[in-house]
PDB file of all heavy atoms in Angstrom:
ATOM      1  N   LEU A   1       0.854  -1.183   0.000  1.00  0.00           N
ATOM      2  CA  LEU A   1       0.000   0.000   0.000  1.00  0.00           C
ATOM      3  C   LEU A   1       0.888   1.230   0.000  1.00  0.00           C
ATOM      4  O   LEU A   1       2.049   1.170   0.436  1.00  0.00           O
ATOM      5  CB  LEU A   1      -0.912   0.025   1.228  1.00  0.00           C
ATOM      6  CG  LEU A   1      -2.101  -0.944   1.238  1.00  0.00           C
ATOM      7  CD1 LEU A   1      -1.649  -2.358   1.551  1.00  0.00           C
ATOM      8  CD2 LEU A   1      -3.151  -0.502   2.252  1.00  0.00           C
ATOM      9  N   ALA A   2       0.343   2.336  -0.494  1.00  0.00           N
ATOM     10  CA  ALA A   2       1.099   3.586  -0.482  1.00  0.00           C
ATOM     11  C   ALA A   2       0.185   4.746  -0.118  1.00  0.00           C
ATOM     12  O   ALA A   2      -0.995   4.762  -0.478  1.00  0.00           O
ATOM     13  CB  ALA A   2       1.756   3.841  -1.837  1.00  0.00           C
ATOM     14  N   ALA A   3       0.743   5.690   0.612  1.00  0.00           N
ATOM     15  CA  ALA A   3       0.065   6.955   0.909  1.00  0.00           C
ATOM     16  C   ALA A   3       0.603   7.981  -0.078  1.00  0.00           C
ATOM     17  O   ALA A   3       1.800   8.298  -0.064  1.00  0.00           O
ATOM     18  CB  ALA A   3       0.351   7.380   2.345  1.00  0.00           C
ATOM     19  N   VAL A   4      -0.271   8.469  -0.950  1.00  0.00           N
ATOM     20  CA  VAL A   4       0.138   9.396  -2.011  1.00  0.00           C
ATOM     21  C   VAL A   4      -0.552  10.741  -1.765  1.00  0.00           C
ATOM     22  O   VAL A   4      -1.761  10.867  -1.905  1.00  0.00           O
ATOM     23  CB  VAL A   4      -0.235   8.844  -3.401  1.00  0.00           C
ATOM     24  CG1 VAL A   4       0.255   9.788  -4.494  1.00  0.00           C
ATOM     25  CG2 VAL A   4       0.358   7.447  -3.606  1.00  0.00           C
ATOM     26  N   LYS A   5       0.229  11.718  -1.397  1.00  0.00           N
ATOM     27  CA  LYS A   5      -0.305  13.045  -1.057  1.00  0.00           C
ATOM     28  C   LYS A   5       0.221  14.071  -2.050  1.00  0.00           C
ATOM     29  O   LYS A   5       1.436  14.233  -2.198  1.00  0.00           O
ATOM     30  CB  LYS A   5       0.117  13.423   0.368  1.00  0.00           C
ATOM     31  CG  LYS A   5      -0.551  14.681   0.905  1.00  0.00           C
ATOM     32  CD  LYS A   5      -0.179  14.892   2.367  1.00  0.00           C
ATOM     33  CE  LYS A   5      -0.900  16.108   2.953  1.00  0.00           C
ATOM     34  NZ  LYS A   5      -0.556  16.303   4.388  1.00  0.00           N
ATOM     35  N   GLY A   6      -0.705  14.715  -2.744  1.00  0.00           N
ATOM     36  CA  GLY A   6      -0.294  15.702  -3.735  1.00  0.00           C
ATOM     37  C   GLY A   6       0.492  15.114  -4.884  1.00  0.00           C
ATOM     38  O   GLY A   6       1.333  15.784  -5.486  1.00  0.00           O
ATOM     39  N   GLY A   7       0.253  13.843  -5.174  1.00  0.00           N
ATOM     40  CA  GLY A   7       0.941  13.171  -6.274  1.00  0.00           C
ATOM     41  C   GLY A   7       2.261  12.551  -5.901  1.00  0.00           C
ATOM     42  O   GLY A   7       2.929  11.940  -6.750  1.00  0.00           O
ATOM     43  N   LYS A   8       2.663  12.673  -4.633  1.00  0.00           N
ATOM     44  CA  LYS A   8       3.944  12.124  -4.186  1.00  0.00           C
ATOM     45  C   LYS A   8       3.744  11.056  -3.119  1.00  0.00           C
ATOM     46  O   LYS A   8       2.894  11.200  -2.229  1.00  0.00           O
ATOM     47  CB  LYS A   8       4.834  13.240  -3.625  1.00  0.00           C
ATOM     48  CG  LYS A   8       5.238  14.267  -4.671  1.00  0.00           C
ATOM     49  CD  LYS A   8       6.140  15.331  -4.061  1.00  0.00           C
ATOM     50  CE  LYS A   8       6.569  16.345  -5.128  1.00  0.00           C
ATOM     51  NZ  LYS A   8       7.477  17.377  -4.549  1.00  0.00           N
ATOM     52  N   SER A   9       4.545   9.998  -3.207  1.00  0.00           N
ATOM     53  CA  SER A   9       4.501   8.958  -2.189  1.00  0.00           C
ATOM     54  C   SER A   9       5.137   9.483  -0.910  1.00  0.00           C
ATOM     55  O   SER A   9       6.284   9.926  -0.912  1.00  0.00           O
ATOM     56  CB  SER A   9       5.262   7.712  -2.668  1.00  0.00           C
ATOM     57  OG  SER A   9       5.370   6.757  -1.627  1.00  0.00           O
ATOM     58  N   ILE A  10       4.375   9.434   0.191  1.00  0.00           N
ATOM     59  CA  ILE A  10       4.940   9.877   1.466  1.00  0.00           C
ATOM     60  C   ILE A  10       5.136   8.701   2.426  1.00  0.00           C
ATOM     61  O   ILE A  10       5.763   8.857   3.471  1.00  0.00           O
ATOM     62  CB  ILE A  10       4.090  10.978   2.127  1.00  0.00           C
ATOM     63  CG1 ILE A  10       2.705  10.466   2.519  1.00  0.00           C
ATOM     64  CG2 ILE A  10       3.992  12.194   1.221  1.00  0.00           C
ATOM     65  CD1 ILE A  10       1.973  11.395   3.466  1.00  0.00           C
ATOM     66  N   ASP A  11       4.613   7.528   2.053  1.00  0.00           N
ATOM     67  CA  ASP A  11       4.881   6.313   2.829  1.00  0.00           C
ATOM     68  C   ASP A  11       4.385   5.119   2.026  1.00  0.00           C
ATOM     69  O   ASP A  11       3.511   5.241   1.160  1.00  0.00           O
ATOM     70  CB  ASP A  11       4.201   6.340   4.195  1.00  0.00           C
ATOM     71  CG  ASP A  11       4.895   5.419   5.213  1.00  0.00           C
ATOM     72  OD1 ASP A  11       5.829   4.681   4.822  1.00  0.00           O
ATOM     73  OD2 ASP A  11       4.502   5.447   6.392  1.00  0.00           O
ATOM     74  N   THR A  12       4.948   3.964   2.315  1.00  0.00           N
ATOM     75  CA  THR A  12       4.530   2.726   1.658  1.00  0.00           C
ATOM     76  C   THR A  12       4.822   1.562   2.588  1.00  0.00           C
ATOM     77  O   THR A  12       5.660   1.670   3.494  1.00  0.00           O
ATOM     78  CB  THR A  12       5.230   2.563   0.295  1.00  0.00           C
ATOM     79  OG1 THR A  12       4.668   1.446  -0.404  1.00  0.00           O
ATOM     80  CG2 THR A  12       6.733   2.361   0.458  1.00  0.00           C
ATOM     81  N   SER A  13       4.119   0.453   2.387  1.00  0.00           N
ATOM     82  CA  SER A  13       4.162  -0.618   3.382  1.00  0.00           C
ATOM     83  C   SER A  13       5.368  -1.543   3.251  1.00  0.00           C
ATOM     84  O   SER A  13       5.859  -2.067   4.251  1.00  0.00           O
ATOM     85  CB  SER A  13       2.869  -1.440   3.329  1.00  0.00           C
ATOM     86  OG  SER A  13       2.649  -1.970   2.036  1.00  0.00           O
ATOM     87  N   MET A  14       5.864  -1.786   2.035  1.00  0.00           N
ATOM     88  CA  MET A  14       7.084  -2.582   1.905  1.00  0.00           C
ATOM     89  C   MET A  14       8.268  -1.773   2.407  1.00  0.00           C
ATOM     90  O   MET A  14       8.189  -0.547   2.508  1.00  0.00           O
ATOM     91  CB  MET A  14       7.289  -3.028   0.455  1.00  0.00           C
ATOM     92  CG  MET A  14       6.378  -4.170   0.034  1.00  0.00           C
ATOM     93  SD  MET A  14       6.670  -4.684  -1.677  1.00  0.00           S
ATOM     94  CE  MET A  14       5.703  -6.200  -1.724  1.00  0.00           C
ATOM     95  N   GLY A  15       9.361  -2.435   2.708  1.00  0.00           N
ATOM     96  CA  GLY A  15      10.438  -1.734   3.383  1.00  0.00           C
ATOM     97  C   GLY A  15      11.791  -1.838   2.727  1.00  0.00           C
ATOM     98  O   GLY A  15      11.974  -1.483   1.565  1.00  0.00           O
ATOM     99  N   PHE A  16      12.772  -2.319   3.491  1.00  0.00           N
ATOM    100  CA  PHE A  16      14.131  -2.553   2.988  1.00  0.00           C
ATOM    101  C   PHE A  16      14.088  -3.578   1.863  1.00  0.00           C
ATOM    102  O   PHE A  16      14.850  -3.509   0.905  1.00  0.00           O
ATOM    103  CB  PHE A  16      14.992  -3.049   4.157  1.00  0.00           C
ATOM    104  CG  PHE A  16      16.422  -3.360   3.802  1.00  0.00           C
ATOM    105  CD1 PHE A  16      17.273  -2.369   3.331  1.00  0.00           C
ATOM    106  CD2 PHE A  16      16.921  -4.644   3.966  1.00  0.00           C
ATOM    107  CE1 PHE A  16      18.599  -2.657   3.022  1.00  0.00           C
ATOM    108  CE2 PHE A  16      18.246  -4.941   3.663  1.00  0.00           C
ATOM    109  CZ  PHE A  16      19.080  -3.946   3.189  1.00  0.00           C
ATOM    110  N   THR A  17      13.170  -4.525   1.975  1.00  0.00           N
ATOM    111  CA  THR A  17      12.929  -5.535   0.947  1.00  0.00           C
ATOM    112  C   THR A  17      11.417  -5.665   0.738  1.00  0.00           C
ATOM    113  O   THR A  17      10.626  -5.133   1.522  1.00  0.00           O
ATOM    114  CB  THR A  17      13.490  -6.912   1.357  1.00  0.00           C
ATOM    115  OG1 THR A  17      12.650  -7.461   2.391  1.00  0.00           O
ATOM    116  CG2 THR A  17      14.929  -6.802   1.858  1.00  0.00           C
ATOM    117  N   PRO A  18      11.005  -6.414  -0.284  1.00  0.00           N
ATOM    118  CA  PRO A  18       9.562  -6.643  -0.503  1.00  0.00           C
ATOM    119  C   PRO A  18       8.932  -7.604   0.506  1.00  0.00           C
ATOM    120  O   PRO A  18       7.772  -7.969   0.355  1.00  0.00           O
ATOM    121  CB  PRO A  18       9.511  -7.241  -1.919  1.00  0.00           C
ATOM    122  CG  PRO A  18      10.784  -6.840  -2.565  1.00  0.00           C
ATOM    123  CD  PRO A  18      11.791  -6.848  -1.451  1.00  0.00           C
ATOM    124  N   LEU A  19       9.679  -7.995   1.536  1.00  0.00           N
ATOM    125  CA  LEU A  19       9.134  -8.896   2.552  1.00  0.00           C
ATOM    126  C   LEU A  19       8.289  -8.146   3.582  1.00  0.00           C
ATOM    127  O   LEU A  19       7.374  -8.721   4.181  1.00  0.00           O
ATOM    128  CB  LEU A  19      10.284  -9.635   3.260  1.00  0.00           C
ATOM    129  CG  LEU A  19       9.930 -10.592   4.399  1.00  0.00           C
ATOM    130  CD1 LEU A  19       8.991 -11.696   3.929  1.00  0.00           C
ATOM    131  CD2 LEU A  19      11.210 -11.195   4.996  1.00  0.00           C
ATOM    132  N   ALA A  20       8.589  -6.873   3.792  1.00  0.00           N
ATOM    133  CA  ALA A  20       7.915  -6.106   4.845  1.00  0.00           C
ATOM    134  C   ALA A  20       6.515  -5.679   4.438  1.00  0.00           C
ATOM    135  O   ALA A  20       6.154  -5.692   3.267  1.00  0.00           O
ATOM    136  CB  ALA A  20       8.754  -4.882   5.204  1.00  0.00           C
ATOM    137  N   GLY A  21       5.722  -5.295   5.437  1.00  0.00           N
ATOM    138  CA  GLY A  21       4.403  -4.750   5.183  1.00  0.00           C
ATOM    139  C   GLY A  21       3.292  -5.698   5.554  1.00  0.00           C
ATOM    140  O   GLY A  21       3.371  -6.406   6.565  1.00  0.00           O
ATOM    141  N   VAL A  22       2.239  -5.704   4.732  1.00  0.00           N
ATOM    142  CA  VAL A  22       1.076  -6.548   5.013  1.00  0.00           C
ATOM    143  C   VAL A  22       1.370  -7.998   4.631  1.00  0.00           C
ATOM    144  O   VAL A  22       2.289  -8.287   3.871  1.00  0.00           O
ATOM    145  CB  VAL A  22      -0.186  -6.046   4.274  1.00  0.00           C
ATOM    146  CG1 VAL A  22      -0.526  -4.629   4.699  1.00  0.00           C
ATOM    147  CG2 VAL A  22      -0.014  -6.122   2.750  1.00  0.00           C
ATOM    148  N   MET A  23       0.577  -8.895   5.159  1.00  0.00           N
ATOM    149  CA  MET A  23       0.645 -10.315   4.796  1.00  0.00           C
ATOM    150  C   MET A  23       0.406 -10.471   3.287  1.00  0.00           C
ATOM    151  O   MET A  23      -0.385  -9.744   2.691  1.00  0.00           O
ATOM    152  CB  MET A  23      -0.431 -11.040   5.594  1.00  0.00           C
ATOM    153  CG  MET A  23      -0.656 -12.484   5.279  1.00  0.00           C
ATOM    154  SD  MET A  23      -2.061 -13.010   6.307  1.00  0.00           S
ATOM    155  CE  MET A  23      -2.228 -14.704   5.823  1.00  0.00           C
ATOM    156  N   MET A  24       1.101 -11.435   2.669  1.00  0.00           N
ATOM    157  CA  MET A  24       0.985 -11.631   1.216  1.00  0.00           C
ATOM    158  C   MET A  24       0.734 -13.108   0.898  1.00  0.00           C
ATOM    159  O   MET A  24       0.419 -13.898   1.787  1.00  0.00           O
ATOM    160  CB  MET A  24       2.254 -11.127   0.528  1.00  0.00           C
ATOM    161  CG  MET A  24       2.569  -9.680   0.862  1.00  0.00           C
ATOM    162  SD  MET A  24       4.135  -9.105   0.187  1.00  0.00           S
ATOM    163  CE  MET A  24       4.793  -8.213   1.601  1.00  0.00           C
ATOM    164  N   GLY A  25       0.871 -13.466  -0.375  1.00  0.00           N
ATOM    165  CA  GLY A  25       0.602 -14.832  -0.794  1.00  0.00           C
ATOM    166  C   GLY A  25       1.477 -15.849  -0.094  1.00  0.00           C
ATOM    167  O   GLY A  25       0.990 -16.817   0.506  1.00  0.00           O
ATOM    168  N   THR A  26       2.813 -15.641  -0.170  1.00  0.00           N
ATOM    169  CA  THR A  26       3.755 -16.538   0.505  1.00  0.00           C
ATOM    170  C   THR A  26       4.642 -15.810   1.501  1.00  0.00           C
ATOM    171  O   THR A  26       5.415 -16.441   2.217  1.00  0.00           O
ATOM    172  CB  THR A  26       4.679 -17.246  -0.513  1.00  0.00           C
ATOM    173  OG1 THR A  26       5.485 -16.259  -1.187  1.00  0.00           O
ATOM    174  CG2 THR A  26       3.878 -18.029  -1.532  1.00  0.00           C
ATOM    175  N   ARG A  27       4.565 -14.483   1.539  1.00  0.00           N
ATOM    176  CA  ARG A  27       5.426 -13.685   2.423  1.00  0.00           C
ATOM    177  C   ARG A  27       4.685 -13.307   3.701  1.00  0.00           C
ATOM    178  O   ARG A  27       3.502 -13.003   3.679  1.00  0.00           O
ATOM    179  CB  ARG A  27       5.898 -12.426   1.694  1.00  0.00           C
ATOM    180  CG  ARG A  27       7.012 -12.675   0.708  1.00  0.00           C
ATOM    181  CD  ARG A  27       7.282 -11.459  -0.152  1.00  0.00           C
ATOM    182  NE  ARG A  27       6.758 -11.624  -1.495  1.00  0.00           N
ATOM    183  CZ  ARG A  27       6.754 -10.678  -2.425  1.00  0.00           C
ATOM    184  NH1 ARG A  27       7.236  -9.477  -2.161  1.00  0.00           N
ATOM    185  NH2 ARG A  27       6.266 -10.918  -3.630  1.00  0.00           N
ATOM    186  N   SER A  28       5.426 -13.297   4.791  1.00  0.00           N
ATOM    187  CA  SER A  28       4.824 -13.042   6.102  1.00  0.00           C
ATOM    188  C   SER A  28       4.367 -11.614   6.277  1.00  0.00           C
ATOM    189  O   SER A  28       3.426 -11.336   7.023  1.00  0.00           O
ATOM    190  CB  SER A  28       5.837 -13.366   7.207  1.00  0.00           C
ATOM    191  OG  SER A  28       6.966 -12.488   7.113  1.00  0.00           O
ATOM    192  N   GLY A  29       5.047 -10.666   5.589  1.00  0.00           N
ATOM    193  CA  GLY A  29       4.871  -9.268   5.947  1.00  0.00           C
ATOM    194  C   GLY A  29       5.637  -8.984   7.225  1.00  0.00           C
ATOM    195  O   GLY A  29       6.462  -9.792   7.674  1.00  0.00           O
ATOM    196  N   SER A  30       5.408  -7.843   7.827  1.00  0.00           N
ATOM    197  CA  SER A  30       6.160  -7.436   9.013  1.00  0.00           C
ATOM    198  C   SER A  30       5.788  -8.277  10.237  1.00  0.00           C
ATOM    199  O   SER A  30       4.613  -8.468  10.540  1.00  0.00           O
ATOM    200  CB  SER A  30       5.889  -5.953   9.315  1.00  0.00           C
ATOM    201  OG  SER A  30       6.306  -5.146   8.235  1.00  0.00           O
ATOM    202  N   ILE A  31       6.817  -8.792  10.898  1.00  0.00           N
ATOM    203  CA  ILE A  31       6.635  -9.562  12.132  1.00  0.00           C
ATOM    204  C   ILE A  31       7.667  -9.106  13.157  1.00  0.00           C
ATOM    205  O   ILE A  31       8.582  -8.349  12.833  1.00  0.00           O
ATOM    206  CB  ILE A  31       6.787 -11.087  11.896  1.00  0.00           C
ATOM    207  CG1 ILE A  31       8.210 -11.403  11.382  1.00  0.00           C
ATOM    208  CG2 ILE A  31       5.737 -11.618  10.938  1.00  0.00           C
ATOM    209  CD1 ILE A  31       8.556 -12.882  11.422  1.00  0.00           C
ATOM    210  N   ASP A  32       7.529  -9.574  14.395  1.00  0.00           N
ATOM    211  CA  ASP A  32       8.518  -9.298  15.439  1.00  0.00           C
ATOM    212  C   ASP A  32       9.861  -9.904  15.005  1.00  0.00           C
ATOM    213  O   ASP A  32       9.960 -11.116  14.806  1.00  0.00           O
ATOM    214  CB  ASP A  32       8.050  -9.934  16.751  1.00  0.00           C
ATOM    215  CG  ASP A  32       8.969  -9.624  17.926  1.00  0.00           C
ATOM    216  OD1 ASP A  32      10.128  -9.235  17.703  1.00  0.00           O
ATOM    217  OD2 ASP A  32       8.521  -9.792  19.071  1.00  0.00           O
ATOM    218  N   PRO A  33      10.931  -9.090  14.845  1.00  0.00           N
ATOM    219  CA  PRO A  33      12.227  -9.620  14.412  1.00  0.00           C
ATOM    220  C   PRO A  33      12.799 -10.687  15.348  1.00  0.00           C
ATOM    221  O   PRO A  33      13.631 -11.507  14.924  1.00  0.00           O
ATOM    222  CB  PRO A  33      13.130  -8.382  14.385  1.00  0.00           C
ATOM    223  CG  PRO A  33      12.201  -7.229  14.282  1.00  0.00           C
ATOM    224  CD  PRO A  33      10.964  -7.630  15.020  1.00  0.00           C
ATOM    225  N   SER A  34      12.359 -10.711  16.614  1.00  0.00           N
ATOM    226  CA  SER A  34      12.879 -11.697  17.561  1.00  0.00           C
ATOM    227  C   SER A  34      12.496 -13.125  17.181  1.00  0.00           C
ATOM    228  O   SER A  34      13.112 -14.085  17.658  1.00  0.00           O
ATOM    229  CB  SER A  34      12.371 -11.396  18.975  1.00  0.00           C
ATOM    230  OG  SER A  34      12.887 -10.170  19.432  1.00  0.00           O
ATOM    231  N   VAL A  35      11.489 -13.268  16.320  1.00  0.00           N
ATOM    232  CA  VAL A  35      11.127 -14.603  15.830  1.00  0.00           C
ATOM    233  C   VAL A  35      12.318 -15.249  15.133  1.00  0.00           C
ATOM    234  O   VAL A  35      12.544 -16.458  15.239  1.00  0.00           O
ATOM    235  CB  VAL A  35       9.914 -14.520  14.873  1.00  0.00           C
ATOM    236  CG1 VAL A  35       9.671 -15.859  14.170  1.00  0.00           C
ATOM    237  CG2 VAL A  35       8.666 -14.084  15.628  1.00  0.00           C
TER     238      VAL A  35
END
């Protein structure tokens, strides 16, 4: 997902890699790193 304000992305759910963010087909999304 992305927050687009005035035509510019000001935040998005994926992170350093495409693993972060919401739950996906085979990817966990963001979880507690201690796991």
